[in-house]
Amino acid sequence: MTTPASARALHPDLECVLFNEAEIAAAIRSLAEQIARDHVGHDVLLLGVLKGAVHVLSDLARELDGLKPGPARVYLDLMAVSSYGNASRSSGEVRLIQDTTHAIEGRRVVIVEDIIDNGLTLSYLNALLSARKPLSLRSAVLLDKPYRRIAGVKADYVGLTCPDEFIVGYGLDYQERYRTLPYIAKLRPDIFSDPE
């Protein structure tokens, strides 16, 4: 873990870096290896959840595409849901903003998320997409943050376990900021309001 002083030198709004670029890359590789083992010789559709999963999706697809043995072909699609808006905590209501562009019936689908926190988004997506009759439906998350889990859902593939902190970077944001940071860091508490 990076010390608080050096994290602020990287970005003044950060308290500390929790996962650096090398740790993230290793977690992505681990996710790819897990997915590859379960889809050897079959096509797989990685379904990224916007906007947070964009980095995870692209890096995961590149890793997965190069693994042998592994899937025959890797396809990508995107969808967008919202449960946060501009808040630092989920509203508890998940809304579909953008649907998939391709049918998933009869396909092997892996939902790709940046983080699973309260579990409501993944629970919503599992119900929505299961009704469309994919051949298989699994989920891959870079970060598992189980401390505030409301929905009884677990990801099939997990990269890292995240501490119970408000984090940003590598796709994770606060009010649409910090997504492009190449690492995952704890945001200073005075930067965001967190009403209980």
C-alpha atoms as a PDB file:
ATOM      1  CA  MET A   1       0.000   0.000   0.000  1.00  0.00           C
ATOM      2  CA  THR A   2       1.275   3.439  -0.911  1.00  0.00           C
ATOM      3  CA  THR A   3       1.781   5.825   1.999  1.00  0.00           C
ATOM      4  CA  PRO A   4      -0.706   8.707   2.374  1.00  0.00           C
ATOM      5  CA  ALA A   5       1.910  11.344   1.558  1.00  0.00           C
ATOM      6  CA  SER A   6       3.011   9.712  -1.686  1.00  0.00           C
ATOM      7  CA  ALA A   7      -0.610   9.058  -2.731  1.00  0.00           C
ATOM      8  CA  ARG A   8      -1.388  12.751  -2.393  1.00  0.00           C
ATOM      9  CA  ALA A   9       1.686  13.483  -4.490  1.00  0.00           C
ATOM     10  CA  LEU A  10       0.082  11.345  -7.211  1.00  0.00           C
ATOM     11  CA  HIS A  11      -3.315  13.032  -6.814  1.00  0.00           C
ATOM     12  CA  PRO A  12      -4.226  15.551  -4.097  1.00  0.00           C
ATOM     13  CA  ASP A  13      -7.695  14.063  -3.425  1.00  0.00           C
ATOM     14  CA  LEU A  14      -6.404  10.639  -2.403  1.00  0.00           C
ATOM     15  CA  GLU A  15      -5.654   9.274   1.029  1.00  0.00           C
ATOM     16  CA  CYS A  16      -3.760   6.172  -0.145  1.00  0.00           C
ATOM     17  CA  VAL A  17      -3.397   3.797  -3.074  1.00  0.00           C
ATOM     18  CA  LEU A  18      -4.958   0.427  -2.269  1.00  0.00           C
ATOM     19  CA  PHE A  19      -4.143  -1.506  -5.456  1.00  0.00           C
ATOM     20  CA  ASN A  20      -1.371  -0.456  -7.816  1.00  0.00           C
ATOM     21  CA  GLU A  21      -1.126  -1.149 -11.569  1.00  0.00           C
ATOM     22  CA  ALA A  22       0.787  -4.409 -11.124  1.00  0.00           C
ATOM     23  CA  GLU A  23      -1.731  -5.758  -8.599  1.00  0.00           C
ATOM     24  CA  ILE A  24      -4.634  -4.862 -10.896  1.00  0.00           C
ATOM     25  CA  ALA A  25      -2.936  -6.512 -13.875  1.00  0.00           C
ATOM     26  CA  ALA A  26      -2.367  -9.704 -11.855  1.00  0.00           C
ATOM     27  CA  ALA A  27      -6.032  -9.733 -10.787  1.00  0.00           C
ATOM     28  CA  ILE A  28      -7.187  -9.285 -14.389  1.00  0.00           C
ATOM     29  CA  ARG A  29      -4.953 -12.153 -15.481  1.00  0.00           C
ATOM     30  CA  SER A  30      -6.404 -14.338 -12.709  1.00  0.00           C
ATOM     31  CA  LEU A  31      -9.953 -13.497 -13.835  1.00  0.00           C
ATOM     32  CA  ALA A  32      -9.054 -14.367 -17.432  1.00  0.00           C
ATOM     33  CA  GLU A  33      -7.555 -17.704 -16.386  1.00  0.00           C
ATOM     34  CA  GLN A  34     -10.672 -18.593 -14.360  1.00  0.00           C
ATOM     35  CA  ILE A  35     -13.000 -17.703 -17.243  1.00  0.00           C
ATOM     36  CA  ALA A  36     -10.813 -19.527 -19.779  1.00  0.00           C
ATOM     37  CA  ARG A  37     -10.942 -22.771 -17.774  1.00  0.00           C
ATOM     38  CA  ASP A  38     -14.759 -22.731 -17.811  1.00  0.00           C
ATOM     39  CA  HIS A  39     -15.143 -21.889 -21.519  1.00  0.00           C
ATOM     40  CA  VAL A  40     -12.450 -23.921 -23.292  1.00  0.00           C
ATOM     41  CA  GLY A  41     -13.336 -24.317 -26.957  1.00  0.00           C
ATOM     42  CA  HIS A  42     -16.553 -22.291 -26.708  1.00  0.00           C
ATOM     43  CA  ASP A  43     -17.445 -18.763 -27.718  1.00  0.00           C
ATOM     44  CA  VAL A  44     -17.964 -16.406 -24.783  1.00  0.00           C
ATOM     45  CA  LEU A  45     -19.651 -13.016 -24.641  1.00  0.00           C
ATOM     46  CA  LEU A  46     -18.193 -10.564 -22.126  1.00  0.00           C
ATOM     47  CA  LEU A  47     -20.958  -8.144 -21.189  1.00  0.00           C
ATOM     48  CA  GLY A  48     -19.463  -5.023 -19.622  1.00  0.00           C
ATOM     49  CA  VAL A  49     -21.505  -2.781 -17.357  1.00  0.00           C
ATOM     50  CA  LEU A  50     -20.946   0.893 -18.129  1.00  0.00           C
ATOM     51  CA  LYS A  51     -19.236   3.040 -17.188  1.00  0.00           C
ATOM     52  CA  GLY A  52     -17.112   1.561 -14.454  1.00  0.00           C
ATOM     53  CA  ALA A  53     -16.249  -1.731 -16.139  1.00  0.00           C
ATOM     54  CA  VAL A  54     -14.754  -0.257 -19.323  1.00  0.00           C
ATOM     55  CA  HIS A  55     -11.131  -0.660 -18.173  1.00  0.00           C
ATOM     56  CA  VAL A  56     -11.782  -4.103 -16.701  1.00  0.00           C
ATOM     57  CA  LEU A  57     -13.619  -5.257 -19.833  1.00  0.00           C
ATOM     58  CA  SER A  58     -10.958  -4.158 -22.306  1.00  0.00           C
ATOM     59  CA  ASP A  59      -8.020  -5.492 -20.282  1.00  0.00           C
ATOM     60  CA  LEU A  60      -9.854  -8.743 -19.492  1.00  0.00           C
ATOM     61  CA  ALA A  61     -10.778  -9.310 -23.154  1.00  0.00           C
ATOM     62  CA  ARG A  62      -7.164  -8.871 -24.247  1.00  0.00           C
ATOM     63  CA  GLU A  63      -5.904 -11.273 -21.580  1.00  0.00           C
ATOM     64  CA  LEU A  64      -8.602 -13.830 -22.324  1.00  0.00           C
ATOM     65  CA  ASP A  65      -8.100 -13.700 -26.070  1.00  0.00           C
ATOM     66  CA  GLY A  66      -4.467 -14.690 -25.666  1.00  0.00           C
ATOM     67  CA  LEU A  67      -4.992 -17.672 -23.352  1.00  0.00           C
ATOM     68  CA  LYS A  68      -4.697 -21.179 -24.751  1.00  0.00           C
ATOM     69  CA  PRO A  69      -6.486 -23.360 -23.994  1.00  0.00           C
ATOM     70  CA  GLY A  70      -9.363 -20.949 -23.706  1.00  0.00           C
ATOM     71  CA  PRO A  71     -12.505 -19.771 -25.445  1.00  0.00           C
ATOM     72  CA  ALA A  72     -12.811 -20.238 -29.198  1.00  0.00           C
ATOM     73  CA  ARG A  73     -13.769 -16.586 -29.654  1.00  0.00           C
ATOM     74  CA  VAL A  74     -14.335 -13.662 -27.296  1.00  0.00           C
ATOM     75  CA  TYR A  75     -17.165 -11.244 -28.063  1.00  0.00           C
ATOM     76  CA  LEU A  76     -17.916  -7.943 -26.337  1.00  0.00           C
ATOM     77  CA  ASP A  77     -21.127  -6.080 -25.606  1.00  0.00           C
ATOM     78  CA  LEU A  78     -22.071  -3.276 -23.232  1.00  0.00           C
ATOM     79  CA  MET A  79     -25.018  -2.260 -21.144  1.00  0.00           C
ATOM     80  CA  ALA A  80     -25.555   0.553 -18.662  1.00  0.00           C
ATOM     81  CA  VAL A  81     -27.387   0.596 -15.370  1.00  0.00           C
ATOM     82  CA  SER A  82     -27.468   3.150 -12.592  1.00  0.00           C
ATOM     83  CA  SER A  83     -27.923   2.925  -8.856  1.00  0.00           C
ATOM     84  CA  TYR A  84     -25.682   5.759  -7.643  1.00  0.00           C
ATOM     85  CA  GLY A  85     -26.318   8.899  -9.689  1.00  0.00           C
ATOM     86  CA  ASN A  86     -24.020  11.527  -8.167  1.00  0.00           C
ATOM     87  CA  ALA A  87     -24.201  10.120  -4.643  1.00  0.00           C
ATOM     88  CA  SER A  88     -21.501   8.292  -2.730  1.00  0.00           C
ATOM     89  CA  ARG A  89     -23.951   5.543  -1.748  1.00  0.00           C
ATOM     90  CA  SER A  90     -26.365   3.549  -3.863  1.00  0.00           C
ATOM     91  CA  SER A  91     -29.946   4.767  -4.005  1.00  0.00           C
ATOM     92  CA  GLY A  92     -31.042   1.129  -3.782  1.00  0.00           C
ATOM     93  CA  GLU A  93     -32.966   1.444  -7.041  1.00  0.00           C
ATOM     94  CA  VAL A  94     -31.328  -0.018 -10.136  1.00  0.00           C
ATOM     95  CA  ARG A  95     -32.351   1.411 -13.506  1.00  0.00           C
ATOM     96  CA  LEU A  96     -31.554   0.101 -16.970  1.00  0.00           C
ATOM     97  CA  ILE A  97     -30.135   2.955 -19.036  1.00  0.00           C
ATOM     98  CA  GLN A  98     -28.727   1.094 -22.059  1.00  0.00           C
ATOM     99  CA  ASP A  99     -29.552  -2.459 -23.072  1.00  0.00           C
ATOM    100  CA  THR A 100     -27.362  -4.980 -24.879  1.00  0.00           C
ATOM    101  CA  THR A 101     -27.003  -4.604 -28.630  1.00  0.00           C
ATOM    102  CA  HIS A 102     -27.119  -8.350 -29.367  1.00  0.00           C
ATOM    103  CA  ALA A 103     -29.410 -11.185 -28.299  1.00  0.00           C
ATOM    104  CA  ILE A 104     -27.904 -13.459 -25.655  1.00  0.00           C
ATOM    105  CA  GLU A 105     -30.220 -16.453 -26.004  1.00  0.00           C
ATOM    106  CA  GLY A 106     -28.214 -19.661 -26.265  1.00  0.00           C
ATOM    107  CA  ARG A 107     -24.893 -17.912 -25.638  1.00  0.00           C
ATOM    108  CA  ARG A 108     -22.299 -18.236 -22.891  1.00  0.00           C
ATOM    109  CA  VAL A 109     -22.378 -14.849 -21.153  1.00  0.00           C
ATOM    110  CA  VAL A 110     -20.102 -13.391 -18.489  1.00  0.00           C
ATOM    111  CA  ILE A 111     -21.249 -10.132 -16.884  1.00  0.00           C
ATOM    112  CA  VAL A 112     -18.169  -7.967 -16.254  1.00  0.00           C
ATOM    113  CA  GLU A 113     -18.303  -5.454 -13.394  1.00  0.00           C
ATOM    114  CA  ASP A 114     -15.702  -3.240 -11.767  1.00  0.00           C
ATOM    115  CA  ILE A 115     -17.052  -3.847  -8.258  1.00  0.00           C
ATOM    116  CA  ILE A 116     -19.760  -5.683  -6.366  1.00  0.00           C
ATOM    117  CA  ASP A 117     -20.782  -3.749  -3.259  1.00  0.00           C
ATOM    118  CA  ASN A 118     -24.368  -4.062  -1.996  1.00  0.00           C
ATOM    119  CA  GLY A 119     -25.083  -6.616  -4.739  1.00  0.00           C
ATOM    120  CA  LEU A 120     -28.229  -4.933  -6.050  1.00  0.00           C
ATOM    121  CA  THR A 121     -26.875  -4.256  -9.540  1.00  0.00           C
ATOM    122  CA  LEU A 122     -25.628  -7.801 -10.050  1.00  0.00           C
ATOM    123  CA  SER A 123     -28.850  -9.249  -8.657  1.00  0.00           C
ATOM    124  CA  TYR A 124     -30.864  -7.071 -11.051  1.00  0.00           C
ATOM    125  CA  LEU A 125     -28.705  -8.063 -14.033  1.00  0.00           C
ATOM    126  CA  ASN A 126     -28.849 -11.771 -13.167  1.00  0.00           C
ATOM    127  CA  ALA A 127     -32.660 -11.663 -13.115  1.00  0.00           C
ATOM    128  CA  LEU A 128     -32.938  -9.540 -16.261  1.00  0.00           C
ATOM    129  CA  LEU A 129     -30.488 -11.575 -18.329  1.00  0.00           C
ATOM    130  CA  SER A 130     -31.505 -15.033 -17.064  1.00  0.00           C
ATOM    131  CA  ALA A 131     -34.972 -14.396 -18.481  1.00  0.00           C
ATOM    132  CA  ARG A 132     -33.366 -14.077 -21.929  1.00  0.00           C
ATOM    133  CA  LYS A 133     -32.256 -17.732 -21.797  1.00  0.00           C
ATOM    134  CA  PRO A 134     -28.494 -17.631 -22.225  1.00  0.00           C
ATOM    135  CA  LEU A 135     -26.790 -21.025 -22.340  1.00  0.00           C
ATOM    136  CA  SER A 136     -24.864 -19.959 -19.247  1.00  0.00           C
ATOM    137  CA  LEU A 137     -24.685 -16.747 -17.232  1.00  0.00           C
ATOM    138  CA  ARG A 138     -21.795 -15.980 -14.919  1.00  0.00           C
ATOM    139  CA  SER A 139     -20.274 -12.837 -13.459  1.00  0.00           C
ATOM    140  CA  ALA A 140     -16.733 -11.516 -13.129  1.00  0.00           C
ATOM    141  CA  VAL A 141     -15.818  -8.615 -10.856  1.00  0.00           C
ATOM    142  CA  LEU A 142     -12.459  -7.000 -10.320  1.00  0.00           C
ATOM    143  CA  LEU A 143     -13.342  -5.980  -6.753  1.00  0.00           C
ATOM    144  CA  ASP A 144     -15.518  -7.731  -4.196  1.00  0.00           C
ATOM    145  CA  LYS A 145     -16.601  -5.407  -1.375  1.00  0.00           C
ATOM    146  CA  PRO A 146     -18.839  -7.642   0.778  1.00  0.00           C
ATOM    147  CA  TYR A 147     -19.282  -5.439   3.844  1.00  0.00           C
ATOM    148  CA  ARG A 148     -22.531  -3.727   2.797  1.00  0.00           C
ATOM    149  CA  ARG A 149     -24.054  -6.607   0.846  1.00  0.00           C
ATOM    150  CA  ILE A 150     -27.841  -6.420   0.775  1.00  0.00           C
ATOM    151  CA  ALA A 151     -28.670  -8.831  -2.034  1.00  0.00           C
ATOM    152  CA  GLY A 152     -27.740 -12.474  -1.550  1.00  0.00           C
ATOM    153  CA  VAL A 153     -25.518 -12.642  -4.608  1.00  0.00           C
ATOM    154  CA  LYS A 154     -21.896 -13.583  -5.243  1.00  0.00           C
ATOM    155  CA  ALA A 155     -19.740 -13.161  -8.308  1.00  0.00           C
ATOM    156  CA  ASP A 156     -18.519 -16.336  -9.996  1.00  0.00           C
ATOM    157  CA  TYR A 157     -15.073 -14.860 -10.678  1.00  0.00           C
ATOM    158  CA  VAL A 158     -13.413 -12.398  -8.281  1.00  0.00           C
ATOM    159  CA  GLY A 159     -10.133 -10.563  -8.766  1.00  0.00           C
ATOM    160  CA  LEU A 160      -9.530  -8.798  -5.433  1.00  0.00           C
ATOM    161  CA  THR A 161     -11.281  -8.255  -2.117  1.00  0.00           C
ATOM    162  CA  CYS A 162     -11.671  -4.567  -1.404  1.00  0.00           C
ATOM    163  CA  PRO A 163     -11.630  -2.915   2.034  1.00  0.00           C
ATOM    164  CA  ASP A 164     -14.722  -1.048   3.197  1.00  0.00           C
ATOM    165  CA  GLU A 165     -13.551   2.321   1.892  1.00  0.00           C
ATOM    166  CA  PHE A 166     -14.790   4.794  -0.703  1.00  0.00           C
ATOM    167  CA  ILE A 167     -12.514   4.050  -3.623  1.00  0.00           C
ATOM    168  CA  VAL A 168     -11.841   5.523  -7.046  1.00  0.00           C
ATOM    169  CA  GLY A 169      -9.663   4.840 -10.061  1.00  0.00           C
ATOM    170  CA  TYR A 170      -9.457   2.249 -12.832  1.00  0.00           C
ATOM    171  CA  GLY A 171     -13.051   2.957 -13.862  1.00  0.00           C
ATOM    172  CA  LEU A 172     -14.417   3.711 -10.392  1.00  0.00           C
ATOM    173  CA  ASP A 173     -15.610   7.275  -9.965  1.00  0.00           C
ATOM    174  CA  TYR A 174     -17.031   9.890  -7.684  1.00  0.00           C
ATOM    175  CA  GLN A 175     -19.284  12.295  -9.593  1.00  0.00           C
ATOM    176  CA  GLU A 176     -17.673  11.154 -12.868  1.00  0.00           C
ATOM    177  CA  ARG A 177     -14.144  12.026 -11.677  1.00  0.00           C
ATOM    178  CA  TYR A 178     -11.069   9.821 -11.141  1.00  0.00           C
ATOM    179  CA  ARG A 179     -12.085   7.023 -13.576  1.00  0.00           C
ATOM    180  CA  THR A 180      -8.862   7.377 -15.568  1.00  0.00           C
ATOM    181  CA  LEU A 181      -6.454   6.850 -12.669  1.00  0.00           C
ATOM    182  CA  PRO A 182      -4.374   3.726 -13.441  1.00  0.00           C
ATOM    183  CA  TYR A 183      -4.589   2.485  -9.829  1.00  0.00           C
ATOM    184  CA  ILE A 184      -7.345   2.090  -7.223  1.00  0.00           C
ATOM    185  CA  ALA A 185      -7.177   4.461  -4.280  1.00  0.00           C
ATOM    186  CA  LYS A 186      -9.062   5.588  -1.200  1.00  0.00           C
ATOM    187  CA  LEU A 187     -10.658   8.985  -1.685  1.00  0.00           C
ATOM    188  CA  ARG A 188     -10.123  11.475   1.134  1.00  0.00           C
ATOM    189  CA  PRO A 189     -13.317  11.665   3.252  1.00  0.00           C
ATOM    190  CA  ASP A 190     -13.446  15.465   3.041  1.00  0.00           C
ATOM    191  CA  ILE A 191     -13.816  15.207  -0.754  1.00  0.00           C
ATOM    192  CA  PHE A 192     -17.199  13.483  -0.620  1.00  0.00           C
ATOM    193  CA  SER A 193     -20.223  13.771   1.643  1.00  0.00           C
ATOM    194  CA  ASP A 194     -21.409  10.446   2.987  1.00  0.00           C
ATOM    195  CA  PRO A 195     -24.746  10.857   4.787  1.00  0.00           C
ATOM    196  CA  GLU A 196     -25.781   7.901   6.860  1.00  0.00           C
END
